[in-house]
Amino acid sequence: MAKSILVITDVHDTENCSIKKAHDIAAPLGEEIDVVRFIRSNDATTLTDVDIKTQTAELSDYVADVFKDYEQKDIIRTQVVVTSDIAKWVVDYCQDKQFDLVLKAGHRSETLFHTPCDWELIRQLQIPVLIASQQHWRQKHAVLAALDPDAKDDAHRELNDSILKWTKKWAATFDCKIHIVYSLPVSKILRELDIIDVKQYAREHREEGEEKLAALLKNYDLPDVEMHVTAGAPERTIPHCANELKAELVIMGSTGRTGLKGKLLGNVAEKTMHNLRTDSLVIELKK
């Protein structure tokens, strides 16, 4: 689990959400912390070297203040980077490092032909990515993990395993309530033509779904788990469940679809994130 954390922020993150959230999880989850503040090249046209050095010093001072109670604050690294492509810089940087978690404040400015940086990171990195919201965790917060107990191949079974290991680690570290959701697959055509009542379908198959989840969970020794069986499009059912439960964190997997197919279709994790207002811990499917 997380020992080395890369924290990504930028000059537009006025609330320093990612740095504050990193502080909340660093002591119990991480040892080494690397904070990078980005300035996009088109925002740096009027900046001099002196300006960048000043921003570097300001970042260092701010991080030192936020982490003043952190036992290993002396080994926190900070830097300011000017680049036109944040995602590419991060992907290249991570190839030479051994980060266990990447943390970034979320941005929701997507269009069909523009993929936000957080989506690019999720697609390209083989490291779990925590997209942080502005909200603060309650002292005993709720975590919702989305699983697919019908996974047919080793890669998807390993993805379930990673999600459950992160869920167990999170619960043990932060003493939070664990919820598990399984969204029963329902044909999109049947849903759109109103041929099937998804709520009724979920009620009729709840026992079967809970049995599948129980079989998947039996080897993980997760305390006091509450299971939820829904039906329909996961990008809608998972956010709805998270909202009902007031979950502060949703843990889920991503298929990492890229290229034209990714732009046109996206993947379930990205569509789900679009509808979430919570923190999202997204774990990449290993290829």
Protein backbone atom coordinates (compact mmCIF):
# COMPACT_ATOMS: atom_id res chain seq x y z
CA MET A 1 0.00 0.00 0.00
CA ALA A 2 0.91 3.66 -0.22
CA LYS A 3 4.34 4.61 1.04
CA SER A 4 5.38 7.15 -1.57
CA ILE A 5 2.81 9.74 -2.67
CA LEU A 6 2.99 12.17 -5.58
CA VAL A 7 0.83 15.23 -4.98
CA ILE A 8 -0.16 17.28 -8.03
CA THR A 9 -1.35 20.86 -7.73
CA ASP A 10 -1.42 23.88 -10.02
CA VAL A 11 -1.62 27.65 -9.76
CA HIS A 12 -5.40 27.52 -10.29
CA ASP A 13 -5.89 25.26 -7.24
CA THR A 14 -6.54 28.32 -5.06
CA GLU A 15 -7.82 26.25 -2.14
CA ASN A 16 -4.75 23.97 -2.25
CA CYS A 17 -7.19 21.08 -2.03
CA SER A 18 -4.70 18.40 -3.06
CA ILE A 19 -2.07 19.50 -0.53
CA LYS A 20 -4.58 19.62 2.31
CA LYS A 21 -5.99 16.22 1.36
CA ALA A 22 -2.45 14.82 1.15
CA HIS A 23 -1.91 15.95 4.72
CA ASP A 24 -5.03 14.06 5.82
CA ILE A 25 -3.79 10.76 4.41
CA ALA A 26 0.01 11.11 4.50
CA ALA A 27 0.78 10.26 8.11
CA PRO A 28 -1.08 6.94 8.16
CA LEU A 29 -0.66 5.96 4.50
CA GLY A 30 2.58 7.49 3.27
CA GLU A 31 6.17 8.10 4.20
CA GLU A 32 7.64 9.98 1.26
CA ILE A 33 5.73 12.89 -0.26
CA ASP A 34 6.59 14.67 -3.48
CA VAL A 35 4.60 17.87 -4.16
CA VAL A 36 4.66 19.32 -7.68
CA ARG A 37 2.94 22.59 -8.56
CA PHE A 38 2.39 23.11 -12.27
CA ILE A 39 2.29 26.28 -14.30
CA ARG A 40 1.05 25.80 -17.84
CA SER A 41 3.35 27.26 -20.47
CA ASN A 42 0.71 29.68 -21.75
CA ASP A 43 0.27 31.00 -18.19
CA ALA A 44 4.02 31.51 -17.80
CA THR A 45 4.67 33.82 -20.75
CA THR A 46 5.10 36.82 -18.48
CA LEU A 47 6.89 34.98 -15.68
CA THR A 48 10.60 35.49 -15.15
CA ASP A 49 13.02 33.06 -13.53
CA VAL A 50 12.79 35.20 -10.41
CA ASP A 51 8.99 34.82 -10.40
CA ILE A 52 9.27 31.04 -10.65
CA LYS A 53 11.84 30.94 -7.84
CA THR A 54 9.48 33.04 -5.73
CA GLN A 55 6.61 30.65 -6.41
CA THR A 56 8.86 27.71 -5.55
CA ALA A 57 9.73 29.30 -2.21
CA GLU A 58 6.07 30.09 -1.53
CA LEU A 59 5.08 26.49 -2.26
CA SER A 60 7.80 25.16 0.03
CA ASP A 61 6.70 27.49 2.84
CA TYR A 62 3.04 26.59 2.40
CA VAL A 63 3.72 22.84 2.42
CA ALA A 64 5.94 23.23 5.49
CA ASP A 65 3.11 25.01 7.29
CA VAL A 66 0.46 22.45 6.33
CA PHE A 67 2.72 19.54 7.31
CA LYS A 68 4.20 21.13 10.43
CA ASP A 69 2.83 18.29 12.58
CA TYR A 70 4.09 15.57 10.19
CA GLU A 71 6.93 13.53 11.68
CA GLN A 72 8.75 13.16 8.36
CA LYS A 73 8.19 16.71 7.10
CA ASP A 74 11.91 17.14 6.47
CA ILE A 75 11.87 14.66 3.57
CA ILE A 76 8.94 16.24 1.72
CA ARG A 77 10.10 17.36 -1.71
CA THR A 78 8.55 20.35 -3.51
CA GLN A 79 9.05 21.78 -6.97
CA VAL A 80 7.38 24.12 -9.46
CA VAL A 81 7.25 22.92 -13.06
CA VAL A 82 6.37 24.85 -16.21
CA THR A 83 4.95 22.60 -18.95
CA SER A 84 2.36 22.55 -21.71
CA ASP A 85 1.33 18.95 -20.95
CA ILE A 86 0.92 18.12 -17.27
CA ALA A 87 -0.23 14.55 -17.84
CA LYS A 88 2.77 13.67 -20.02
CA TRP A 89 5.19 15.23 -17.52
CA VAL A 90 3.66 13.21 -14.68
CA VAL A 91 3.65 9.95 -16.65
CA ASP A 92 7.32 10.44 -17.61
CA TYR A 93 8.22 11.42 -14.05
CA CYS A 94 6.53 8.36 -12.58
CA GLN A 95 8.48 6.04 -14.87
CA ASP A 96 11.66 6.93 -12.99
CA LYS A 97 10.08 6.83 -9.52
CA GLN A 98 8.32 4.26 -7.37
CA PHE A 99 5.17 6.11 -6.37
CA ASP A 100 2.37 4.09 -4.81
CA LEU A 101 -0.31 6.76 -5.12
CA VAL A 102 -0.90 9.91 -7.16
CA LEU A 103 -3.15 12.56 -5.62
CA LYS A 104 -4.70 15.42 -7.55
CA ALA A 105 -7.56 17.88 -7.11
CA GLY A 106 -10.35 17.15 -9.57
CA HIS A 107 -11.40 19.33 -12.49
CA ARG A 108 -14.71 18.83 -14.30
CA SER A 109 -14.29 20.74 -17.57
CA GLU A 110 -14.57 17.87 -20.04
CA THR A 111 -15.85 18.10 -23.61
CA LEU A 112 -15.89 15.47 -26.35
CA PHE A 113 -12.61 16.66 -27.86
CA HIS A 114 -10.78 17.65 -24.71
CA THR A 115 -9.80 15.09 -22.09
CA PRO A 116 -9.06 16.61 -18.68
CA CYS A 117 -5.66 15.99 -17.12
CA ASP A 118 -7.13 13.77 -14.41
CA TRP A 119 -8.66 11.45 -17.01
CA GLU A 120 -5.37 11.29 -18.92
CA LEU A 121 -3.58 10.29 -15.71
CA ILE A 122 -6.11 7.58 -14.96
CA ARG A 123 -5.79 6.19 -18.49
CA GLN A 124 -2.00 6.24 -18.68
CA LEU A 125 -0.68 5.59 -15.18
CA GLN A 126 -0.34 2.11 -13.69
CA ILE A 127 -0.58 3.72 -10.25
CA PRO A 128 -3.79 4.30 -8.25
CA VAL A 129 -4.97 7.90 -8.67
CA LEU A 130 -6.89 9.72 -5.96
CA ILE A 131 -8.94 12.56 -7.43
CA ALA A 132 -9.76 14.83 -4.50
CA SER A 133 -12.92 16.89 -4.10
CA GLN A 134 -13.16 20.09 -2.08
CA GLN A 135 -15.13 18.49 0.73
CA HIS A 136 -13.57 17.49 4.04
CA TRP A 137 -13.93 14.01 5.48
CA ARG A 138 -15.98 13.47 8.56
CA GLN A 139 -14.13 11.97 11.50
CA LYS A 140 -15.65 8.56 10.75
CA HIS A 141 -16.35 8.69 7.06
CA ALA A 142 -17.95 6.17 4.73
CA VAL A 143 -16.17 4.44 1.86
CA LEU A 144 -17.96 2.89 -1.10
CA ALA A 145 -16.11 0.27 -3.18
CA ALA A 146 -17.51 -0.79 -6.56
CA LEU A 147 -16.88 -4.43 -7.51
CA ASP A 148 -17.69 -6.75 -10.39
CA PRO A 149 -18.14 -10.27 -8.95
CA ASP A 150 -18.85 -11.53 -12.49
CA ALA A 151 -15.26 -10.83 -13.61
CA LYS A 152 -14.34 -13.55 -16.09
CA ASP A 153 -10.61 -13.02 -16.73
CA ASP A 154 -7.53 -12.80 -14.52
CA ALA A 155 -6.98 -9.08 -15.14
CA HIS A 156 -10.45 -8.13 -13.93
CA ARG A 157 -10.21 -10.52 -10.98
CA GLU A 158 -6.90 -8.89 -10.02
CA LEU A 159 -8.62 -5.51 -10.30
CA ASN A 160 -11.27 -6.66 -7.80
CA ASP A 161 -8.44 -7.86 -5.56
CA SER A 162 -6.67 -4.48 -5.71
CA ILE A 163 -9.90 -2.61 -4.96
CA LEU A 164 -10.59 -4.81 -1.94
CA LYS A 165 -7.02 -4.50 -0.61
CA TRP A 166 -7.19 -0.71 -0.85
CA THR A 167 -10.62 -0.77 0.80
CA LYS A 168 -9.34 -2.90 3.66
CA LYS A 169 -6.29 -0.68 4.10
CA TRP A 170 -8.41 2.45 4.08
CA ALA A 171 -10.88 1.04 6.60
CA ALA A 172 -8.14 -0.15 8.94
CA THR A 173 -6.27 3.15 8.73
CA PHE A 174 -9.16 5.59 9.05
CA ASP A 175 -11.71 3.51 10.98
CA CYS A 176 -14.38 4.16 8.38
CA LYS A 177 -17.58 2.38 7.44
CA ILE A 178 -17.25 0.09 4.40
CA HIS A 179 -19.96 -0.20 1.76
CA ILE A 180 -19.69 -2.47 -1.27
CA VAL A 181 -21.80 -1.92 -4.38
CA TYR A 182 -22.47 -4.29 -7.25
CA SER A 183 -24.33 -2.84 -10.21
CA LEU A 184 -26.15 -5.62 -12.04
CA PRO A 185 -25.64 -5.37 -15.79
CA VAL A 186 -28.78 -4.48 -17.73
CA SER A 187 -28.95 -4.07 -21.50
CA LYS A 188 -28.87 -0.41 -22.52
CA ILE A 189 -31.53 -1.07 -25.15
CA LEU A 190 -33.88 -2.62 -22.57
CA ARG A 191 -33.36 0.37 -20.26
CA GLU A 192 -33.90 2.99 -22.95
CA LEU A 193 -37.04 1.31 -24.29
CA ASP A 194 -38.42 0.95 -20.74
CA ILE A 195 -38.79 -2.78 -21.34
CA ILE A 196 -37.25 -3.46 -17.94
CA ASP A 197 -37.82 -1.80 -14.57
CA VAL A 198 -34.27 -1.60 -13.18
CA LYS A 199 -35.43 -1.08 -9.58
CA GLN A 200 -37.64 -4.14 -9.74
CA TYR A 201 -34.85 -6.07 -11.47
CA ALA A 202 -32.46 -5.15 -8.63
CA ARG A 203 -34.98 -6.27 -6.00
CA GLU A 204 -35.55 -9.58 -7.76
CA HIS A 205 -31.81 -10.30 -8.06
CA ARG A 206 -30.59 -8.78 -4.79
CA GLU A 207 -30.14 -12.09 -2.98
CA GLU A 208 -28.20 -13.54 -5.90
CA GLY A 209 -26.01 -10.42 -6.09
CA GLU A 210 -25.32 -10.46 -2.35
CA GLU A 211 -24.28 -14.11 -2.57
CA LYS A 212 -21.80 -13.25 -5.32
CA LEU A 213 -20.39 -10.38 -3.27
CA ALA A 214 -20.15 -12.54 -0.14
CA ALA A 215 -18.17 -15.17 -2.07
CA LEU A 216 -15.83 -12.46 -3.33
CA LEU A 217 -15.34 -10.92 0.13
CA LYS A 218 -14.83 -14.07 2.17
CA ASN A 219 -11.01 -14.04 1.97
CA TYR A 220 -10.50 -10.39 2.90
CA ASP A 221 -11.66 -10.21 6.52
CA LEU A 222 -13.38 -6.87 6.05
CA PRO A 223 -15.16 -5.68 9.21
CA ASP A 224 -18.83 -4.73 9.27
CA VAL A 225 -19.39 -4.53 5.51
CA GLU A 226 -22.73 -3.37 4.13
CA MET A 227 -23.57 -4.68 0.66
CA HIS A 228 -25.67 -2.88 -1.95
CA VAL A 229 -27.05 -4.41 -5.14
CA THR A 230 -28.29 -2.04 -7.83
CA ALA A 231 -29.13 -2.38 -11.51
CA GLY A 232 -28.55 -0.17 -14.52
CA ALA A 233 -25.71 1.95 -15.82
CA PRO A 234 -22.88 1.98 -13.20
CA GLU A 235 -22.04 5.61 -14.01
CA ARG A 236 -25.46 6.47 -12.59
CA THR A 237 -26.05 3.79 -9.96
CA ILE A 238 -22.67 4.20 -8.22
CA PRO A 239 -22.95 8.01 -7.74
CA HIS A 240 -26.57 7.58 -6.63
CA CYS A 241 -25.50 4.99 -4.05
CA ALA A 242 -22.61 7.21 -2.90
CA ASN A 243 -24.97 10.14 -2.49
CA GLU A 244 -27.51 8.07 -0.55
CA LEU A 245 -24.80 6.81 1.79
CA LYS A 246 -23.04 10.19 2.06
CA ALA A 247 -19.80 8.39 1.16
CA GLU A 248 -16.71 10.59 1.11
CA LEU A 249 -14.64 8.20 -0.99
CA VAL A 250 -15.51 5.91 -3.89
CA ILE A 251 -12.98 3.21 -4.80
CA MET A 252 -13.33 1.73 -8.28
CA GLY A 253 -11.43 0.27 -11.21
CA SER A 254 -10.72 1.68 -14.64
CA THR A 255 -10.21 -0.07 -17.96
CA GLY A 256 -7.86 2.71 -19.11
CA ARG A 257 -9.39 2.96 -22.58
CA THR A 258 -7.26 5.28 -24.75
CA GLY A 259 -7.09 6.73 -28.27
CA LEU A 260 -10.13 7.50 -30.42
CA LYS A 261 -12.12 4.75 -28.73
CA GLY A 262 -11.46 6.39 -25.38
CA LYS A 263 -12.50 9.83 -26.63
CA LEU A 264 -15.73 8.56 -28.13
CA LEU A 265 -16.72 5.96 -25.53
CA GLY A 266 -14.73 6.82 -22.42
CA ASN A 267 -14.97 4.16 -19.73
CA VAL A 268 -17.20 3.49 -16.76
CA ALA A 269 -14.80 5.03 -14.23
CA GLU A 270 -14.63 8.31 -16.13
CA LYS A 271 -18.38 8.46 -16.67
CA THR A 272 -18.89 7.71 -12.98
CA MET A 273 -16.44 10.43 -11.91
CA HIS A 274 -18.41 12.93 -13.97
CA ASN A 275 -21.42 12.33 -11.71
CA LEU A 276 -19.55 12.10 -8.40
CA ARG A 277 -19.02 14.91 -5.91
CA THR A 278 -16.78 12.87 -3.64
CA ASP A 279 -13.15 11.78 -3.64
CA SER A 280 -12.45 9.01 -6.16
CA LEU A 281 -9.68 6.43 -5.83
CA VAL A 282 -9.31 4.90 -9.28
CA ILE A 283 -7.24 1.76 -9.81
CA GLU A 284 -6.07 0.89 -13.30
CA LEU A 285 -6.71 -2.47 -14.91
CA LYS A 286 -3.29 -4.08 -15.44
CA LYS A 287 -2.67 -5.09 -19.01
